[in-house]
Amino acid sequence: MKSSVQTAIEEKKEELSQLKVLNKYTYDLVLQLEEIQEKLSTMGDGVESVALILSNWQNVINSISLASMGVLKYSSKDYKDKQPLPETLVRIKLDKNSEETET
């Protein structure tokens, strides 16, 4: 028959063993969560880029629509000679300060 001290020591050894296993699993979980955090950060950067691109699509569609509207003013006889092209879109930067100094 074991003494109560020996039984307590064996129980504590078993508890220590279980705590070591728990510590290992906790460490593994921390590593996995850090990897997930890095991947989410990368995804966040990608989402911002996609959002920027998608925000410009409305401007692209409006520009194409504007250019295509110019073709509607031609009649069928204009298509016999040469097929009309869409209106040329030109972007001109207006600097209000330079306009004021020129006038």
PDB file of N, CA and C in Angstrom:
ATOM      1  N   MET A   1       0.827  -1.177   0.000  1.00  0.00           N
ATOM      2  CA  MET A   1       0.000   0.000   0.000  1.00  0.00           C
ATOM      3  C   MET A   1       0.877   1.248   0.000  1.00  0.00           C
ATOM      4  N   LYS A   2       0.549   2.155  -0.922  1.00  0.00           N
ATOM      5  CA  LYS A   2       1.337   3.369  -1.057  1.00  0.00           C
ATOM      6  C   LYS A   2       0.901   4.384  -0.010  1.00  0.00           C
ATOM      7  N   SER A   3       1.870   5.159   0.348  1.00  0.00           N
ATOM      8  CA  SER A   3       1.535   6.213   1.304  1.00  0.00           C
ATOM      9  C   SER A   3       0.830   7.346   0.576  1.00  0.00           C
ATOM     10  N   SER A   4       0.174   8.140   1.319  1.00  0.00           N
ATOM     11  CA  SER A   4      -0.572   9.262   0.732  1.00  0.00           C
ATOM     12  C   SER A   4       0.369  10.263   0.075  1.00  0.00           C
ATOM     13  N   VAL A   5       1.583  10.370   0.552  1.00  0.00           N
ATOM     14  CA  VAL A   5       2.569  11.282  -0.044  1.00  0.00           C
ATOM     15  C   VAL A   5       2.965  10.775  -1.429  1.00  0.00           C
ATOM     16  N   GLN A   6       3.218   9.471  -1.543  1.00  0.00           N
ATOM     17  CA  GLN A   6       3.585   8.898  -2.835  1.00  0.00           C
ATOM     18  C   GLN A   6       2.432   9.028  -3.829  1.00  0.00           C
ATOM     19  N   THR A   7       1.224   8.818  -3.386  1.00  0.00           N
ATOM     20  CA  THR A   7       0.045   8.970  -4.246  1.00  0.00           C
ATOM     21  C   THR A   7      -0.083  10.414  -4.720  1.00  0.00           C
ATOM     22  N   ALA A   8       0.124  11.355  -3.818  1.00  0.00           N
ATOM     23  CA  ALA A   8       0.051  12.775  -4.176  1.00  0.00           C
ATOM     24  C   ALA A   8       1.135  13.128  -5.187  1.00  0.00           C
ATOM     25  N   ILE A   9       2.344  12.564  -5.012  1.00  0.00           N
ATOM     26  CA  ILE A   9       3.447  12.825  -5.946  1.00  0.00           C
ATOM     27  C   ILE A   9       3.110  12.277  -7.327  1.00  0.00           C
ATOM     28  N   GLU A  10       2.578  11.083  -7.394  1.00  0.00           N
ATOM     29  CA  GLU A  10       2.199  10.494  -8.681  1.00  0.00           C
ATOM     30  C   GLU A  10       1.093  11.302  -9.359  1.00  0.00           C
ATOM     31  N   GLU A  11       0.138  11.769  -8.579  1.00  0.00           N
ATOM     32  CA  GLU A  11      -0.937  12.601  -9.135  1.00  0.00           C
ATOM     33  C   GLU A  11      -0.373  13.906  -9.689  1.00  0.00           C
ATOM     34  N   LYS A  12       0.575  14.497  -8.955  1.00  0.00           N
ATOM     35  CA  LYS A  12       1.189  15.749  -9.409  1.00  0.00           C
ATOM     36  C   LYS A  12       2.027  15.517 -10.663  1.00  0.00           C
ATOM     37  N   LYS A  13       2.720  14.364 -10.748  1.00  0.00           N
ATOM     38  CA  LYS A  13       3.487  14.039 -11.951  1.00  0.00           C
ATOM     39  C   LYS A  13       2.552  13.898 -13.153  1.00  0.00           C
ATOM     40  N   GLU A  14       1.427  13.236 -12.951  1.00  0.00           N
ATOM     41  CA  GLU A  14       0.434  13.086 -14.025  1.00  0.00           C
ATOM     42  C   GLU A  14      -0.121  14.449 -14.431  1.00  0.00           C
ATOM     43  N   GLU A  15      -0.394  15.281 -13.448  1.00  0.00           N
ATOM     44  CA  GLU A  15      -0.902  16.629 -13.722  1.00  0.00           C
ATOM     45  C   GLU A  15       0.144  17.438 -14.489  1.00  0.00           C
ATOM     46  N   LEU A  16       1.424  17.318 -14.098  1.00  0.00           N
ATOM     47  CA  LEU A  16       2.508  18.007 -14.798  1.00  0.00           C
ATOM     48  C   LEU A  16       2.598  17.535 -16.245  1.00  0.00           C
ATOM     49  N   SER A  17       2.481  16.245 -16.449  1.00  0.00           N
ATOM     50  CA  SER A  17       2.521  15.687 -17.799  1.00  0.00           C
ATOM     51  C   SER A  17       1.384  16.252 -18.650  1.00  0.00           C
ATOM     52  N   GLN A  18       0.198  16.321 -18.081  1.00  0.00           N
ATOM     53  CA  GLN A  18      -0.951  16.873 -18.804  1.00  0.00           C
ATOM     54  C   GLN A  18      -0.761  18.366 -19.086  1.00  0.00           C
ATOM     55  N   LEU A  19      -0.158  19.088 -18.141  1.00  0.00           N
ATOM     56  CA  LEU A  19       0.099  20.513 -18.349  1.00  0.00           C
ATOM     57  C   LEU A  19       1.127  20.740 -19.459  1.00  0.00           C
ATOM     58  N   LYS A  20       2.125  19.857 -19.550  1.00  0.00           N
ATOM     59  CA  LYS A  20       3.112  19.959 -20.628  1.00  0.00           C
ATOM     60  C   LYS A  20       2.451  19.743 -21.988  1.00  0.00           C
ATOM     61  N   VAL A  21       1.565  18.763 -22.047  1.00  0.00           N
ATOM     62  CA  VAL A  21       0.835  18.515 -23.299  1.00  0.00           C
ATOM     63  C   VAL A  21      -0.032  19.727 -23.644  1.00  0.00           C
ATOM     64  N   LEU A  22      -0.715  20.260 -22.644  1.00  0.00           N
ATOM     65  CA  LEU A  22      -1.551  21.445 -22.857  1.00  0.00           C
ATOM     66  C   LEU A  22      -0.704  22.628 -23.314  1.00  0.00           C
ATOM     67  N   ASN A  23       0.469  22.784 -22.729  1.00  0.00           N
ATOM     68  CA  ASN A  23       1.375  23.866 -23.109  1.00  0.00           C
ATOM     69  C   ASN A  23       1.815  23.716 -24.565  1.00  0.00           C
ATOM     70  N   LYS A  24       2.114  22.492 -24.987  1.00  0.00           N
ATOM     71  CA  LYS A  24       2.507  22.238 -26.376  1.00  0.00           C
ATOM     72  C   LYS A  24       1.369  22.583 -27.330  1.00  0.00           C
ATOM     73  N   TYR A  25       0.162  22.150 -26.999  1.00  0.00           N
ATOM     74  CA  TYR A  25      -0.991  22.467 -27.850  1.00  0.00           C
ATOM     75  C   TYR A  25      -1.247  23.970 -27.901  1.00  0.00           C
ATOM     76  N   THR A  26      -1.066  24.639 -26.786  1.00  0.00           N
ATOM     77  CA  THR A  26      -1.253  26.087 -26.745  1.00  0.00           C
ATOM     78  C   THR A  26      -0.231  26.779 -27.635  1.00  0.00           C
ATOM     79  N   TYR A  27       1.015  26.335 -27.584  1.00  0.00           N
ATOM     80  CA  TYR A  27       2.068  26.902 -28.421  1.00  0.00           C
ATOM     81  C   TYR A  27       1.747  26.686 -29.902  1.00  0.00           C
ATOM     82  N   ASP A  28       1.316  25.480 -30.254  1.00  0.00           N
ATOM     83  CA  ASP A  28       0.931  25.194 -31.642  1.00  0.00           C
ATOM     84  C   ASP A  28      -0.221  26.086 -32.087  1.00  0.00           C
ATOM     85  N   LEU A  29      -1.178  26.296 -31.203  1.00  0.00           N
ATOM     86  CA  LEU A  29      -2.317  27.152 -31.521  1.00  0.00           C
ATOM     87  C   LEU A  29      -1.870  28.593 -31.746  1.00  0.00           C
ATOM     88  N   VAL A  30      -0.949  29.069 -30.931  1.00  0.00           N
ATOM     89  CA  VAL A  30      -0.422  30.428 -31.096  1.00  0.00           C
ATOM     90  C   VAL A  30       0.243  30.573 -32.461  1.00  0.00           C
ATOM     91  N   LEU A  31       1.040  29.585 -32.857  1.00  0.00           N
ATOM     92  CA  LEU A  31       1.696  29.637 -34.168  1.00  0.00           C
ATOM     93  C   LEU A  31       0.675  29.671 -35.304  1.00  0.00           C
ATOM     94  N   GLN A  32      -0.348  28.850 -35.194  1.00  0.00           N
ATOM     95  CA  GLN A  32      -1.382  28.817 -36.233  1.00  0.00           C
ATOM     96  C   GLN A  32      -2.146  30.136 -36.292  1.00  0.00           C
ATOM     97  N   LEU A  33      -2.438  30.710 -35.140  1.00  0.00           N
ATOM     98  CA  LEU A  33      -3.149  31.990 -35.124  1.00  0.00           C
ATOM     99  C   LEU A  33      -2.291  33.113 -35.703  1.00  0.00           C
ATOM    100  N   GLU A  34      -0.983  33.070 -35.467  1.00  0.00           N
ATOM    101  CA  GLU A  34      -0.094  34.068 -36.059  1.00  0.00           C
ATOM    102  C   GLU A  34      -0.055  33.932 -37.577  1.00  0.00           C
ATOM    103  N   GLU A  35      -0.049  32.700 -38.079  1.00  0.00           N
ATOM    104  CA  GLU A  35      -0.095  32.474 -39.525  1.00  0.00           C
ATOM    105  C   GLU A  35      -1.399  33.005 -40.110  1.00  0.00           C
ATOM    106  N   ILE A  36      -2.492  32.753 -39.427  1.00  0.00           N
ATOM    107  CA  ILE A  36      -3.798  33.242 -39.885  1.00  0.00           C
ATOM    108  C   ILE A  36      -3.805  34.764 -39.903  1.00  0.00           C
ATOM    109  N   GLN A  37      -3.216  35.375 -38.885  1.00  0.00           N
ATOM    110  CA  GLN A  37      -3.171  36.834 -38.823  1.00  0.00           C
ATOM    111  C   GLN A  37      -2.392  37.405 -40.006  1.00  0.00           C
ATOM    112  N   GLU A  38      -1.259  36.783 -40.357  1.00  0.00           N
ATOM    113  CA  GLU A  38      -0.479  37.236 -41.507  1.00  0.00           C
ATOM    114  C   GLU A  38      -1.278  37.093 -42.799  1.00  0.00           C
ATOM    115  N   LYS A  39      -1.971  35.977 -42.942  1.00  0.00           N
ATOM    116  CA  LYS A  39      -2.765  35.758 -44.152  1.00  0.00           C
ATOM    117  C   LYS A  39      -3.922  36.739 -44.230  1.00  0.00           C
ATOM    118  N   LEU A  40      -4.549  37.023 -43.106  1.00  0.00           N
ATOM    119  CA  LEU A  40      -5.648  37.992 -43.100  1.00  0.00           C
ATOM    120  C   LEU A  40      -5.146  39.390 -43.428  1.00  0.00           C
ATOM    121  N   SER A  41      -3.957  39.717 -42.975  1.00  0.00           N
ATOM    122  CA  SER A  41      -3.367  41.010 -43.301  1.00  0.00           C
ATOM    123  C   SER A  41      -3.135  41.120 -44.803  1.00  0.00           C
ATOM    124  N   THR A  42      -2.617  40.052 -45.397  1.00  0.00           N
ATOM    125  CA  THR A  42      -2.411  40.029 -46.844  1.00  0.00           C
ATOM    126  C   THR A  42      -3.742  40.141 -47.577  1.00  0.00           C
ATOM    127  N   MET A  43      -4.737  39.424 -47.096  1.00  0.00           N
ATOM    128  CA  MET A  43      -6.062  39.497 -47.715  1.00  0.00           C
ATOM    129  C   MET A  43      -6.633  40.899 -47.590  1.00  0.00           C
ATOM    130  N   GLY A  44      -6.406  41.547 -46.457  1.00  0.00           N
ATOM    131  CA  GLY A  44      -6.904  42.903 -46.260  1.00  0.00           C
ATOM    132  C   GLY A  44      -6.307  43.863 -47.266  1.00  0.00           C
ATOM    133  N   ASP A  45      -4.999  43.720 -47.539  1.00  0.00           N
ATOM    134  CA  ASP A  45      -4.358  44.562 -48.544  1.00  0.00           C
ATOM    135  C   ASP A  45      -4.961  44.301 -49.918  1.00  0.00           C
ATOM    136  N   GLY A  46      -5.217  43.041 -50.217  1.00  0.00           N
ATOM    137  CA  GLY A  46      -5.821  42.695 -51.501  1.00  0.00           C
ATOM    138  C   GLY A  46      -7.226  43.245 -51.639  1.00  0.00           C
ATOM    139  N   VAL A  47      -7.969  43.222 -50.555  1.00  0.00           N
ATOM    140  CA  VAL A  47      -9.342  43.741 -50.576  1.00  0.00           C
ATOM    141  C   VAL A  47      -9.332  45.236 -50.850  1.00  0.00           C
ATOM    142  N   GLU A  48      -8.386  45.954 -50.261  1.00  0.00           N
ATOM    143  CA  GLU A  48      -8.291  47.393 -50.507  1.00  0.00           C
ATOM    144  C   GLU A  48      -7.986  47.668 -51.973  1.00  0.00           C
ATOM    145  N   SER A  49      -7.107  46.873 -52.567  1.00  0.00           N
ATOM    146  CA  SER A  49      -6.776  47.046 -53.980  1.00  0.00           C
ATOM    147  C   SER A  49      -7.985  46.770 -54.864  1.00  0.00           C
ATOM    148  N   VAL A  50      -8.692  45.712 -54.562  1.00  0.00           N
ATOM    149  CA  VAL A  50      -9.894  45.377 -55.338  1.00  0.00           C
ATOM    150  C   VAL A  50     -10.945  46.473 -55.187  1.00  0.00           C
ATOM    151  N   ALA A  51     -11.103  46.999 -53.988  1.00  0.00           N
ATOM    152  CA  ALA A  51     -12.075  48.070 -53.762  1.00  0.00           C
ATOM    153  C   ALA A  51     -11.714  49.304 -54.579  1.00  0.00           C
ATOM    154  N   LEU A  52     -10.426  49.625 -54.660  1.00  0.00           N
ATOM    155  CA  LEU A  52      -9.995  50.773 -55.452  1.00  0.00           C
ATOM    156  C   LEU A  52     -10.296  50.557 -56.930  1.00  0.00           C
ATOM    157  N   ILE A  53     -10.008  49.361 -57.416  1.00  0.00           N
ATOM    158  CA  ILE A  53     -10.280  49.055 -58.824  1.00  0.00           C
ATOM    159  C   ILE A  53     -11.775  49.117 -59.108  1.00  0.00           C
ATOM    160  N   LEU A  54     -12.570  48.525 -58.232  1.00  0.00           N
ATOM    161  CA  LEU A  54     -14.019  48.524 -58.449  1.00  0.00           C
ATOM    162  C   LEU A  54     -14.611  49.918 -58.348  1.00  0.00           C
ATOM    163  N   SER A  55     -14.021  50.775 -57.529  1.00  0.00           N
ATOM    164  CA  SER A  55     -14.542  52.140 -57.428  1.00  0.00           C
ATOM    165  C   SER A  55     -14.320  52.904 -58.726  1.00  0.00           C
ATOM    166  N   ASN A  56     -13.307  52.517 -59.500  1.00  0.00           N
ATOM    167  CA  ASN A  56     -13.040  53.189 -60.774  1.00  0.00           C
ATOM    168  C   ASN A  56     -13.903  52.666 -61.912  1.00  0.00           C
ATOM    169  N   TRP A  57     -14.524  51.513 -61.738  1.00  0.00           N
ATOM    170  CA  TRP A  57     -15.314  50.929 -62.818  1.00  0.00           C
ATOM    171  C   TRP A  57     -16.469  51.823 -63.241  1.00  0.00           C
ATOM    172  N   GLN A  58     -17.098  52.489 -62.306  1.00  0.00           N
ATOM    173  CA  GLN A  58     -18.211  53.369 -62.662  1.00  0.00           C
ATOM    174  C   GLN A  58     -17.718  54.485 -63.581  1.00  0.00           C
ATOM    175  N   ASN A  59     -16.537  55.019 -63.305  1.00  0.00           N
ATOM    176  CA  ASN A  59     -15.974  56.057 -64.171  1.00  0.00           C
ATOM    177  C   ASN A  59     -15.653  55.505 -65.556  1.00  0.00           C
ATOM    178  N   VAL A  60     -15.135  54.284 -65.612  1.00  0.00           N
ATOM    179  CA  VAL A  60     -14.826  53.662 -66.901  1.00  0.00           C
ATOM    180  C   VAL A  60     -16.106  53.451 -67.705  1.00  0.00           C
ATOM    181  N   ILE A  61     -17.125  52.937 -67.060  1.00  0.00           N
ATOM    182  CA  ILE A  61     -18.400  52.694 -67.745  1.00  0.00           C
ATOM    183  C   ILE A  61     -19.015  54.005 -68.221  1.00  0.00           C
ATOM    184  N   ASN A  62     -18.956  55.035 -67.395  1.00  0.00           N
ATOM    185  CA  ASN A  62     -19.482  56.344 -67.803  1.00  0.00           C
ATOM    186  C   ASN A  62     -18.718  56.887 -69.004  1.00  0.00           C
ATOM    187  N   SER A  63     -17.408  56.713 -69.038  1.00  0.00           N
ATOM    188  CA  SER A  63     -16.601  57.189 -70.163  1.00  0.00           C
ATOM    189  C   SER A  63     -16.947  56.438 -71.442  1.00  0.00           C
ATOM    190  N   ILE A  64     -17.086  55.131 -71.339  1.00  0.00           N
ATOM    191  CA  ILE A  64     -17.458  54.333 -72.513  1.00  0.00           C
ATOM    192  C   ILE A  64     -18.842  54.733 -73.004  1.00  0.00           C
ATOM    193  N   SER A  65     -19.744  54.936 -72.085  1.00  0.00           N
ATOM    194  CA  SER A  65     -21.095  55.345 -72.454  1.00  0.00           C
ATOM    195  C   SER A  65     -21.079  56.698 -73.143  1.00  0.00           C
ATOM    196  N   LEU A  66     -20.299  57.616 -72.615  1.00  0.00           N
ATOM    197  CA  LEU A  66     -20.196  58.948 -73.206  1.00  0.00           C
ATOM    198  C   LEU A  66     -19.636  58.865 -74.617  1.00  0.00           C
ATOM    199  N   ALA A  67     -18.603  58.052 -74.813  1.00  0.00           N
ATOM    200  CA  ALA A  67     -18.013  57.893 -76.143  1.00  0.00           C
ATOM    201  C   ALA A  67     -18.992  57.222 -77.097  1.00  0.00           C
ATOM    202  N   SER A  68     -19.752  56.278 -76.613  1.00  0.00           N
ATOM    203  CA  SER A  68     -20.701  55.562 -77.468  1.00  0.00           C
ATOM    204  C   SER A  68     -21.886  56.431 -77.852  1.00  0.00           C
ATOM    205  N   MET A  69     -22.230  57.372 -77.008  1.00  0.00           N
ATOM    206  CA  MET A  69     -23.372  58.242 -77.311  1.00  0.00           C
ATOM    207  C   MET A  69     -23.106  59.081 -78.561  1.00  0.00           C
ATOM    208  N   GLY A  70     -21.838  59.394 -78.829  1.00  0.00           N
ATOM    209  CA  GLY A  70     -21.503  60.174 -80.016  1.00  0.00           C
ATOM    210  C   GLY A  70     -21.803  59.425 -81.298  1.00  0.00           C
ATOM    211  N   VAL A  71     -21.739  58.112 -81.282  1.00  0.00           N
ATOM    212  CA  VAL A  71     -22.017  57.302 -82.466  1.00  0.00           C
ATOM    213  C   VAL A  71     -23.501  57.356 -82.813  1.00  0.00           C
ATOM    214  N   LEU A  72     -24.356  57.574 -81.845  1.00  0.00           N
ATOM    215  CA  LEU A  72     -25.800  57.582 -82.086  1.00  0.00           C
ATOM    216  C   LEU A  72     -26.255  58.736 -82.977  1.00  0.00           C
ATOM    217  N   LYS A  73     -25.472  59.797 -83.060  1.00  0.00           N
ATOM    218  CA  LYS A  73     -25.897  60.953 -83.856  1.00  0.00           C
ATOM    219  C   LYS A  73     -25.700  60.746 -85.358  1.00  0.00           C
ATOM    220  N   TYR A  74     -25.005  59.679 -85.751  1.00  0.00           N
ATOM    221  CA  TYR A  74     -24.781  59.413 -87.168  1.00  0.00           C
ATOM    222  C   TYR A  74     -25.981  58.690 -87.774  1.00  0.00           C
ATOM    223  N   SER A  75     -26.213  58.950 -89.060  1.00  0.00           N
ATOM    224  CA  SER A  75     -27.307  58.270 -89.767  1.00  0.00           C
ATOM    225  C   SER A  75     -26.734  57.090 -90.552  1.00  0.00           C
ATOM    226  N   SER A  76     -27.615  56.335 -91.215  1.00  0.00           N
ATOM    227  CA  SER A  76     -27.175  55.139 -91.945  1.00  0.00           C
ATOM    228  C   SER A  76     -26.280  55.502 -93.129  1.00  0.00           C
ATOM    229  N   LYS A  77     -26.467  56.686 -93.723  1.00  0.00           N
ATOM    230  CA  LYS A  77     -25.614  57.067 -94.863  1.00  0.00           C
ATOM    231  C   LYS A  77     -24.174  57.338 -94.425  1.00  0.00           C
ATOM    232  N   ASP A  78     -23.994  57.727 -93.177  1.00  0.00           N
ATOM    233  CA  ASP A  78     -22.633  57.942 -92.671  1.00  0.00           C
ATOM    234  C   ASP A  78     -21.868  56.628 -92.579  1.00  0.00           C
ATOM    235  N   TYR A  79     -22.582  55.530 -92.438  1.00  0.00           N
ATOM    236  CA  TYR A  79     -21.934  54.226 -92.317  1.00  0.00           C
ATOM    237  C   TYR A  79     -21.523  53.666 -93.681  1.00  0.00           C
ATOM    238  N   LYS A  80     -22.074  54.207 -94.773  1.00  0.00           N
ATOM    239  CA  LYS A  80     -21.744  53.697 -96.105  1.00  0.00           C
ATOM    240  C   LYS A  80     -20.323  54.090 -96.503  1.00  0.00           C
ATOM    241  N   ASP A  81     -19.968  55.316 -96.245  1.00  0.00           N
ATOM    242  CA  ASP A  81     -18.630  55.785 -96.623  1.00  0.00           C
ATOM    243  C   ASP A  81     -17.553  55.189 -95.712  1.00  0.00           C
ATOM    244  N   LYS A  82     -17.733  55.413 -94.463  1.00  0.00           N
ATOM    245  CA  LYS A  82     -16.747  54.953 -93.481  1.00  0.00           C
ATOM    246  C   LYS A  82     -17.460  54.808 -92.149  1.00  0.00           C
ATOM    247  N   GLN A  83     -17.151  53.755 -91.457  1.00  0.00           N
ATOM    248  CA  GLN A  83     -17.827  53.545 -90.174  1.00  0.00           C
ATOM    249  C   GLN A  83     -17.342  54.596 -89.175  1.00  0.00           C
ATOM    250  N   PRO A  84     -18.278  55.348 -88.611  1.00  0.00           N
ATOM    251  CA  PRO A  84     -17.877  56.377 -87.653  1.00  0.00           C
ATOM    252  C   PRO A  84     -17.327  55.756 -86.369  1.00  0.00           C
ATOM    253  N   LEU A  85     -16.402  56.452 -85.802  1.00  0.00           N
ATOM    254  CA  LEU A  85     -15.781  55.997 -84.562  1.00  0.00           C
ATOM    255  C   LEU A  85     -16.414  56.713 -83.382  1.00  0.00           C
ATOM    256  N   PRO A  86     -16.312  56.139 -82.223  1.00  0.00           N
ATOM    257  CA  PRO A  86     -16.827  56.837 -81.036  1.00  0.00           C
ATOM    258  C   PRO A  86     -16.076  58.149 -80.818  1.00  0.00           C
ATOM    259  N   GLU A  87     -16.707  59.024 -80.098  1.00  0.00           N
ATOM    260  CA  GLU A  87     -16.086  60.304 -79.791  1.00  0.00           C
ATOM    261  C   GLU A  87     -14.778  60.077 -79.042  1.00  0.00           C
ATOM    262  N   THR A  88     -13.817  60.912 -79.360  1.00  0.00           N
ATOM    263  CA  THR A  88     -12.542  60.833 -78.658  1.00  0.00           C
ATOM    264  C   THR A  88     -12.700  61.473 -77.290  1.00  0.00           C
ATOM    265  N   LEU A  89     -12.247  60.774 -76.301  1.00  0.00           N
ATOM    266  CA  LEU A  89     -12.311  61.306 -74.945  1.00  0.00           C
ATOM    267  C   LEU A  89     -10.939  61.834 -74.563  1.00  0.00           C
ATOM    268  N   VAL A  90     -10.907  63.087 -74.188  1.00  0.00           N
ATOM    269  CA  VAL A  90      -9.654  63.714 -73.794  1.00  0.00           C
ATOM    270  C   VAL A  90      -9.826  64.265 -72.396  1.00  0.00           C
ATOM    271  N   ARG A  91      -8.851  63.998 -71.581  1.00  0.00           N
ATOM    272  CA  ARG A  91      -8.893  64.523 -70.217  1.00  0.00           C
ATOM    273  C   ARG A  91      -7.917  65.697 -70.148  1.00  0.00           C
ATOM    274  N   ILE A  92      -8.449  66.849 -69.800  1.00  0.00           N
ATOM    275  CA  ILE A  92      -7.630  68.049 -69.683  1.00  0.00           C
ATOM    276  C   ILE A  92      -7.650  68.482 -68.234  1.00  0.00           C
ATOM    277  N   LYS A  93      -6.463  68.629 -67.690  1.00  0.00           N
ATOM    278  CA  LYS A  93      -6.366  69.064 -66.303  1.00  0.00           C
ATOM    279  C   LYS A  93      -6.516  70.580 -66.266  1.00  0.00           C
ATOM    280  N   LEU A  94      -7.456  71.034 -65.475  1.00  0.00           N
ATOM    281  CA  LEU A  94      -7.672  72.463 -65.319  1.00  0.00           C
ATOM    282  C   LEU A  94      -7.104  72.893 -63.983  1.00  0.00           C
ATOM    283  N   ASP A  95      -6.201  73.832 -64.052  1.00  0.00           N
ATOM    284  CA  ASP A  95      -5.618  74.367 -62.835  1.00  0.00           C
ATOM    285  C   ASP A  95      -6.212  75.751 -62.633  1.00  0.00           C
ATOM    286  N   LYS A  96      -7.063  75.882 -61.659  1.00  0.00           N
ATOM    287  CA  LYS A  96      -7.768  77.144 -61.445  1.00  0.00           C
ATOM    288  C   LYS A  96      -6.802  78.288 -61.163  1.00  0.00           C
ATOM    289  N   ASN A  97      -5.714  78.019 -60.492  1.00  0.00           N
ATOM    290  CA  ASN A  97      -4.754  79.072 -60.174  1.00  0.00           C
ATOM    291  C   ASN A  97      -4.115  79.637 -61.435  1.00  0.00           C
ATOM    292  N   SER A  98      -3.778  78.789 -62.411  1.00  0.00           N
ATOM    293  CA  SER A  98      -3.155  79.278 -63.640  1.00  0.00           C
ATOM    294  C   SER A  98      -4.158  80.055 -64.484  1.00  0.00           C
ATOM    295  N   GLU A  99      -5.429  79.692 -64.465  1.00  0.00           N
ATOM    296  CA  GLU A  99      -6.452  80.434 -65.200  1.00  0.00           C
ATOM    297  C   GLU A  99      -6.610  81.837 -64.639  1.00  0.00           C
ATOM    298  N   GLU A 100      -6.565  81.945 -63.331  1.00  0.00           N
ATOM    299  CA  GLU A 100      -6.732  83.247 -62.700  1.00  0.00           C
ATOM    300  C   GLU A 100      -5.548  84.150 -62.991  1.00  0.00           C
ATOM    301  N   THR A 101      -4.353  83.609 -63.076  1.00  0.00           N
ATOM    302  CA  THR A 101      -3.177  84.436 -63.329  1.00  0.00           C
ATOM    303  C   THR A 101      -3.112  84.871 -64.782  1.00  0.00           C
ATOM    304  N   GLU A 102      -3.679  84.079 -65.704  1.00  0.00           N
ATOM    305  CA  GLU A 102      -3.661  84.432 -67.118  1.00  0.00           C
ATOM    306  C   GLU A 102      -4.677  85.511 -67.448  1.00  0.00           C
ATOM    307  N   THR A 103      -5.751  85.613 -66.709  1.00  0.00           N
ATOM    308  CA  THR A 103      -6.786  86.604 -67.025  1.00  0.00           C
ATOM    309  C   THR A 103      -6.554  87.907 -66.347  1.00  0.00           C
TER     310      THR A 103
END
